């Protein structure tokens, strides 16, 4: 975990909103290790030579995060919640590109555990999951956000609850429902 507390990160985010360039550098230092930990956990089981590297994912996500001018950063958890959305977009875009290059057979199931493991071999599964998650969002936005934060960013129940301003019990319930809903949806693919 980073050496900066949640309040430090929140203060840096507030300074960043005012255009403070020094805050941007300090924020990078404060959150980089946590973003890298999240990304590397997702990528560590992949084969050598994987086309999307942890550092590239972290750097691209961070650059997109600090360019978010319309976001009113509330807290460290909010920052990492938004990072989940951005990492999801980056990974889905990468999967769609790889998928377009391959155009393979059927889609095998993707395990819906806490935290994402992404590989080139799973591009089709990943795209199918993204499509299902978009469909879930139209039915229940909060459940979709819980799944996104838990699965794509690997946030804990408490971190997800803080970011969404709901109880940990609601996160657990939504996480359970969301995984079941997505499994059922993905079985029809």
C-alpha atoms as a PDB file:
ATOM      1  CA  UNK A   1       0.000   0.000   0.000  1.00  0.00           C
ATOM      2  CA  UNK A   2       1.198   3.518  -0.571  1.00  0.00           C
ATOM      3  CA  UNK A   3       2.790   5.597   2.174  1.00  0.00           C
ATOM      4  CA  UNK A   4       0.198   8.340   1.804  1.00  0.00           C
ATOM      5  CA  UNK A   5      -3.021   8.095   3.765  1.00  0.00           C
ATOM      6  CA  UNK A   6      -6.496   8.518   2.286  1.00  0.00           C
ATOM      7  CA  UNK A   7      -6.621  12.143   3.473  1.00  0.00           C
ATOM      8  CA  UNK A   8      -3.307  12.948   1.746  1.00  0.00           C
ATOM      9  CA  UNK A   9      -4.575  11.546  -1.548  1.00  0.00           C
ATOM     10  CA  UNK A  10      -7.869  13.406  -1.183  1.00  0.00           C
ATOM     11  CA  UNK A  11      -6.002  16.678  -0.573  1.00  0.00           C
ATOM     12  CA  UNK A  12      -3.777  16.066  -3.586  1.00  0.00           C
ATOM     13  CA  UNK A  13      -6.847  15.407  -5.733  1.00  0.00           C
ATOM     14  CA  UNK A  14      -8.368  18.697  -4.582  1.00  0.00           C
ATOM     15  CA  UNK A  15      -5.144  20.523  -5.431  1.00  0.00           C
ATOM     16  CA  UNK A  16      -5.028  18.810  -8.810  1.00  0.00           C
ATOM     17  CA  UNK A  17      -8.489  20.188  -9.608  1.00  0.00           C
ATOM     18  CA  UNK A  18      -7.125  23.705  -9.168  1.00  0.00           C
ATOM     19  CA  UNK A  19      -4.422  23.020 -11.762  1.00  0.00           C
ATOM     20  CA  UNK A  20      -1.576  22.571  -9.268  1.00  0.00           C
ATOM     21  CA  UNK A  21       1.168  20.813 -11.302  1.00  0.00           C
ATOM     22  CA  UNK A  22       3.150  19.923  -8.185  1.00  0.00           C
ATOM     23  CA  UNK A  23       0.094  18.084  -6.863  1.00  0.00           C
ATOM     24  CA  UNK A  24       0.007  15.998 -10.051  1.00  0.00           C
ATOM     25  CA  UNK A  25       3.561  14.786  -9.450  1.00  0.00           C
ATOM     26  CA  UNK A  26       2.877  14.102  -5.770  1.00  0.00           C
ATOM     27  CA  UNK A  27      -0.358  12.296  -6.624  1.00  0.00           C
ATOM     28  CA  UNK A  28       1.465  10.058  -9.071  1.00  0.00           C
ATOM     29  CA  UNK A  29       3.895   9.145  -6.324  1.00  0.00           C
ATOM     30  CA  UNK A  30       1.053   8.593  -3.858  1.00  0.00           C
ATOM     31  CA  UNK A  31      -1.100   6.315  -6.027  1.00  0.00           C
ATOM     32  CA  UNK A  32       1.309   4.681  -8.460  1.00  0.00           C
ATOM     33  CA  UNK A  33       2.212   1.717  -6.269  1.00  0.00           C
ATOM     34  CA  UNK A  34      -1.442   0.983  -5.510  1.00  0.00           C
ATOM     35  CA  UNK A  35      -2.410   1.193  -9.202  1.00  0.00           C
ATOM     36  CA  UNK A  36       0.554  -0.999 -10.059  1.00  0.00           C
ATOM     37  CA  UNK A  37      -0.402  -3.511  -7.361  1.00  0.00           C
ATOM     38  CA  UNK A  38      -3.929  -3.708  -8.757  1.00  0.00           C
ATOM     39  CA  UNK A  39      -2.736  -4.074 -12.348  1.00  0.00           C
ATOM     40  CA  UNK A  40       0.016  -6.575 -11.565  1.00  0.00           C
ATOM     41  CA  UNK A  41      -2.355  -8.766  -9.580  1.00  0.00           C
ATOM     42  CA  UNK A  42      -4.487  -8.989 -12.699  1.00  0.00           C
ATOM     43  CA  UNK A  43      -1.608  -9.675 -15.035  1.00  0.00           C
ATOM     44  CA  UNK A  44       0.784 -11.836 -12.960  1.00  0.00           C
ATOM     45  CA  UNK A  45      -0.479 -15.204 -14.170  1.00  0.00           C
ATOM     46  CA  UNK A  46      -0.054 -14.320 -17.815  1.00  0.00           C
ATOM     47  CA  UNK A  47       2.545 -15.724 -20.134  1.00  0.00           C
ATOM     48  CA  UNK A  48       5.790 -13.857 -20.839  1.00  0.00           C
ATOM     49  CA  UNK A  49       5.551 -11.627 -23.880  1.00  0.00           C
ATOM     50  CA  UNK A  50       1.940 -10.702 -23.185  1.00  0.00           C
ATOM     51  CA  UNK A  51       1.010  -7.776 -25.402  1.00  0.00           C
ATOM     52  CA  UNK A  52      -0.379  -5.617 -22.587  1.00  0.00           C
ATOM     53  CA  UNK A  53       2.115  -5.024 -19.801  1.00  0.00           C
ATOM     54  CA  UNK A  54       1.346  -3.918 -16.242  1.00  0.00           C
ATOM     55  CA  UNK A  55       3.377  -0.726 -16.492  1.00  0.00           C
ATOM     56  CA  UNK A  56       1.663   0.274 -19.738  1.00  0.00           C
ATOM     57  CA  UNK A  57      -1.773  -0.323 -18.193  1.00  0.00           C
ATOM     58  CA  UNK A  58      -0.906   1.709 -15.087  1.00  0.00           C
ATOM     59  CA  UNK A  59       0.624   4.566 -17.047  1.00  0.00           C
ATOM     60  CA  UNK A  60      -2.241   4.785 -19.517  1.00  0.00           C
ATOM     61  CA  UNK A  61      -4.827   4.615 -16.719  1.00  0.00           C
ATOM     62  CA  UNK A  62      -3.038   7.290 -14.695  1.00  0.00           C
ATOM     63  CA  UNK A  63      -2.768   9.654 -17.658  1.00  0.00           C
ATOM     64  CA  UNK A  64      -6.484   9.287 -18.300  1.00  0.00           C
ATOM     65  CA  UNK A  65      -7.264   9.760 -14.600  1.00  0.00           C
ATOM     66  CA  UNK A  66      -5.454  13.069 -14.251  1.00  0.00           C
ATOM     67  CA  UNK A  67      -7.075  14.360 -17.427  1.00  0.00           C
ATOM     68  CA  UNK A  68     -10.509  13.901 -15.855  1.00  0.00           C
ATOM     69  CA  UNK A  69     -11.411  17.565 -15.437  1.00  0.00           C
ATOM     70  CA  UNK A  70     -15.134  17.103 -14.907  1.00  0.00           C
ATOM     71  CA  UNK A  71     -14.699  14.732 -11.946  1.00  0.00           C
ATOM     72  CA  UNK A  72     -15.192  16.185  -8.478  1.00  0.00           C
ATOM     73  CA  UNK A  73     -12.775  13.933  -6.583  1.00  0.00           C
ATOM     74  CA  UNK A  74     -14.280  13.018  -3.232  1.00  0.00           C
ATOM     75  CA  UNK A  75     -11.735  10.616  -1.768  1.00  0.00           C
ATOM     76  CA  UNK A  76      -9.006   8.101  -2.397  1.00  0.00           C
ATOM     77  CA  UNK A  77     -11.642   5.371  -2.819  1.00  0.00           C
ATOM     78  CA  UNK A  78     -13.468   7.503  -5.360  1.00  0.00           C
ATOM     79  CA  UNK A  79     -10.215   7.909  -7.282  1.00  0.00           C
ATOM     80  CA  UNK A  80      -9.619   4.163  -7.344  1.00  0.00           C
ATOM     81  CA  UNK A  81     -13.264   3.582  -8.264  1.00  0.00           C
ATOM     82  CA  UNK A  82     -12.865   5.800 -11.308  1.00  0.00           C
ATOM     83  CA  UNK A  83      -9.590   4.016 -12.021  1.00  0.00           C
ATOM     84  CA  UNK A  84     -11.598   0.766 -12.210  1.00  0.00           C
ATOM     85  CA  UNK A  85     -13.739   2.248 -14.971  1.00  0.00           C
ATOM     86  CA  UNK A  86     -10.723   3.532 -16.860  1.00  0.00           C
ATOM     87  CA  UNK A  87      -8.798   0.256 -16.557  1.00  0.00           C
ATOM     88  CA  UNK A  88     -11.902  -1.547 -17.774  1.00  0.00           C
ATOM     89  CA  UNK A  89     -12.087   0.713 -20.861  1.00  0.00           C
ATOM     90  CA  UNK A  90      -8.386   0.242 -21.607  1.00  0.00           C
ATOM     91  CA  UNK A  91      -8.578  -3.534 -21.229  1.00  0.00           C
ATOM     92  CA  UNK A  92     -11.786  -3.816 -23.254  1.00  0.00           C
ATOM     93  CA  UNK A  93     -10.338  -1.680 -26.038  1.00  0.00           C
ATOM     94  CA  UNK A  94      -7.235  -3.869 -26.028  1.00  0.00           C
ATOM     95  CA  UNK A  95      -9.371  -7.033 -26.066  1.00  0.00           C
ATOM     96  CA  UNK A  96     -11.543  -5.760 -28.918  1.00  0.00           C
ATOM     97  CA  UNK A  97      -8.435  -4.925 -30.941  1.00  0.00           C
ATOM     98  CA  UNK A  98      -6.893  -8.337 -30.274  1.00  0.00           C
ATOM     99  CA  UNK A  99     -10.228 -10.006 -30.999  1.00  0.00           C
ATOM    100  CA  UNK A 100     -10.545  -8.214 -34.328  1.00  0.00           C
ATOM    101  CA  UNK A 101      -7.101  -9.523 -35.232  1.00  0.00           C
ATOM    102  CA  UNK A 102      -7.915 -13.126 -34.260  1.00  0.00           C
ATOM    103  CA  UNK A 103     -11.630 -13.731 -34.936  1.00  0.00           C
ATOM    104  CA  UNK A 104     -11.721 -17.141 -33.294  1.00  0.00           C
ATOM    105  CA  UNK A 105     -14.382 -19.667 -32.297  1.00  0.00           C
ATOM    106  CA  UNK A 106     -16.799 -19.773 -29.364  1.00  0.00           C
ATOM    107  CA  UNK A 107     -16.520 -17.901 -26.111  1.00  0.00           C
ATOM    108  CA  UNK A 108     -15.432 -19.907 -23.057  1.00  0.00           C
ATOM    109  CA  UNK A 109     -16.601 -18.797 -19.599  1.00  0.00           C
ATOM    110  CA  UNK A 110     -14.638 -16.160 -17.721  1.00  0.00           C
ATOM    111  CA  UNK A 111     -14.417 -16.707 -13.937  1.00  0.00           C
ATOM    112  CA  UNK A 112     -16.039 -13.843 -12.028  1.00  0.00           C
ATOM    113  CA  UNK A 113     -13.769 -13.695  -9.018  1.00  0.00           C
ATOM    114  CA  UNK A 114     -12.482 -10.677  -7.153  1.00  0.00           C
ATOM    115  CA  UNK A 115      -9.909  -9.156  -9.422  1.00  0.00           C
ATOM    116  CA  UNK A 116      -9.311  -9.522 -13.095  1.00  0.00           C
ATOM    117  CA  UNK A 117      -6.815 -11.735 -14.854  1.00  0.00           C
ATOM    118  CA  UNK A 118      -6.467 -10.570 -18.443  1.00  0.00           C
ATOM    119  CA  UNK A 119      -4.761 -12.433 -21.253  1.00  0.00           C
ATOM    120  CA  UNK A 120      -4.769 -12.417 -25.031  1.00  0.00           C
ATOM    121  CA  UNK A 121      -6.356 -15.862 -24.930  1.00  0.00           C
ATOM    122  CA  UNK A 122      -9.322 -14.410 -23.045  1.00  0.00           C
ATOM    123  CA  UNK A 123     -10.070 -11.484 -25.365  1.00  0.00           C
ATOM    124  CA  UNK A 124     -13.386 -12.904 -26.560  1.00  0.00           C
ATOM    125  CA  UNK A 125     -14.460 -13.696 -22.997  1.00  0.00           C
ATOM    126  CA  UNK A 126     -13.482 -10.239 -21.918  1.00  0.00           C
ATOM    127  CA  UNK A 127     -15.510  -8.564 -24.666  1.00  0.00           C
ATOM    128  CA  UNK A 128     -18.505 -10.782 -23.821  1.00  0.00           C
ATOM    129  CA  UNK A 129     -18.162  -9.794 -20.152  1.00  0.00           C
ATOM    130  CA  UNK A 130     -18.036  -6.113 -21.059  1.00  0.00           C
ATOM    131  CA  UNK A 131     -21.165  -6.462 -23.203  1.00  0.00           C
ATOM    132  CA  UNK A 132     -22.959  -8.268 -20.358  1.00  0.00           C
ATOM    133  CA  UNK A 133     -21.812  -5.672 -17.831  1.00  0.00           C
ATOM    134  CA  UNK A 134     -23.160  -2.899 -20.070  1.00  0.00           C
ATOM    135  CA  UNK A 135     -26.492  -4.742 -20.196  1.00  0.00           C
ATOM    136  CA  UNK A 136     -26.476  -5.124 -16.403  1.00  0.00           C
ATOM    137  CA  UNK A 137     -25.833  -1.393 -16.095  1.00  0.00           C
ATOM    138  CA  UNK A 138     -29.094  -0.674 -17.910  1.00  0.00           C
ATOM    139  CA  UNK A 139     -30.930  -2.886 -15.418  1.00  0.00           C
ATOM    140  CA  UNK A 140     -29.127  -1.947 -12.196  1.00  0.00           C
ATOM    141  CA  UNK A 141     -26.412   0.697 -12.353  1.00  0.00           C
ATOM    142  CA  UNK A 142     -25.272   0.270  -8.740  1.00  0.00           C
ATOM    143  CA  UNK A 143     -24.800  -3.485  -9.067  1.00  0.00           C
ATOM    144  CA  UNK A 144     -22.864  -2.872 -12.272  1.00  0.00           C
ATOM    145  CA  UNK A 145     -20.590  -0.376 -10.493  1.00  0.00           C
ATOM    146  CA  UNK A 146     -19.990  -2.802  -7.602  1.00  0.00           C
ATOM    147  CA  UNK A 147     -18.974  -5.552 -10.032  1.00  0.00           C
ATOM    148  CA  UNK A 148     -16.777  -3.130 -11.933  1.00  0.00           C
ATOM    149  CA  UNK A 149     -14.981  -1.921  -8.805  1.00  0.00           C
ATOM    150  CA  UNK A 150     -14.514  -5.375  -7.319  1.00  0.00           C
ATOM    151  CA  UNK A 151     -13.599  -7.154 -10.548  1.00  0.00           C
ATOM    152  CA  UNK A 152     -11.702  -4.567 -12.591  1.00  0.00           C
ATOM    153  CA  UNK A 153      -9.990  -2.630  -9.833  1.00  0.00           C
ATOM    154  CA  UNK A 154      -9.901  -5.270  -7.132  1.00  0.00           C
ATOM    155  CA  UNK A 155     -11.260  -2.882  -4.509  1.00  0.00           C
ATOM    156  CA  UNK A 156     -12.231  -4.448  -1.205  1.00  0.00           C
ATOM    157  CA  UNK A 157     -15.817  -4.534   0.050  1.00  0.00           C
ATOM    158  CA  UNK A 158     -15.096  -1.588   2.360  1.00  0.00           C
ATOM    159  CA  UNK A 159     -13.338   0.461  -0.340  1.00  0.00           C
ATOM    160  CA  UNK A 160     -16.202  -0.169  -2.749  1.00  0.00           C
ATOM    161  CA  UNK A 161     -18.740   0.794  -0.077  1.00  0.00           C
ATOM    162  CA  UNK A 162     -16.860   4.020   0.631  1.00  0.00           C
ATOM    163  CA  UNK A 163     -16.562   4.933  -3.053  1.00  0.00           C
ATOM    164  CA  UNK A 164     -20.267   4.310  -3.714  1.00  0.00           C
ATOM    165  CA  UNK A 165     -21.429   5.651  -0.342  1.00  0.00           C
ATOM    166  CA  UNK A 166     -23.344   2.481   0.507  1.00  0.00           C
ATOM    167  CA  UNK A 167     -22.968  -0.068   3.287  1.00  0.00           C
ATOM    168  CA  UNK A 168     -20.525  -2.974   3.059  1.00  0.00           C
ATOM    169  CA  UNK A 169     -23.522  -5.271   3.430  1.00  0.00           C
ATOM    170  CA  UNK A 170     -25.073  -3.722   0.299  1.00  0.00           C
ATOM    171  CA  UNK A 171     -21.786  -4.210  -1.553  1.00  0.00           C
ATOM    172  CA  UNK A 172     -21.717  -7.898  -0.592  1.00  0.00           C
ATOM    173  CA  UNK A 173     -25.331  -8.350  -1.671  1.00  0.00           C
ATOM    174  CA  UNK A 174     -24.797  -6.481  -4.962  1.00  0.00           C
ATOM    175  CA  UNK A 175     -21.542  -8.356  -5.635  1.00  0.00           C
ATOM    176  CA  UNK A 176     -23.252 -11.695  -5.117  1.00  0.00           C
ATOM    177  CA  UNK A 177     -26.246 -10.745  -7.255  1.00  0.00           C
ATOM    178  CA  UNK A 178     -24.075  -9.201  -9.980  1.00  0.00           C
ATOM    179  CA  UNK A 179     -21.877 -12.266 -10.338  1.00  0.00           C
ATOM    180  CA  UNK A 180     -24.911 -14.564 -10.513  1.00  0.00           C
ATOM    181  CA  UNK A 181     -26.613 -12.295 -13.057  1.00  0.00           C
ATOM    182  CA  UNK A 182     -23.502 -12.115 -15.220  1.00  0.00           C
ATOM    183  CA  UNK A 183     -22.913 -15.871 -15.080  1.00  0.00           C
ATOM    184  CA  UNK A 184     -26.469 -16.459 -16.283  1.00  0.00           C
ATOM    185  CA  UNK A 185     -26.092 -13.821 -19.002  1.00  0.00           C
ATOM    186  CA  UNK A 186     -22.753 -15.198 -20.194  1.00  0.00           C
ATOM    187  CA  UNK A 187     -24.118 -18.739 -20.394  1.00  0.00           C
ATOM    188  CA  UNK A 188     -26.445 -17.586 -23.165  1.00  0.00           C
ATOM    189  CA  UNK A 189     -23.523 -16.228 -25.244  1.00  0.00           C
END
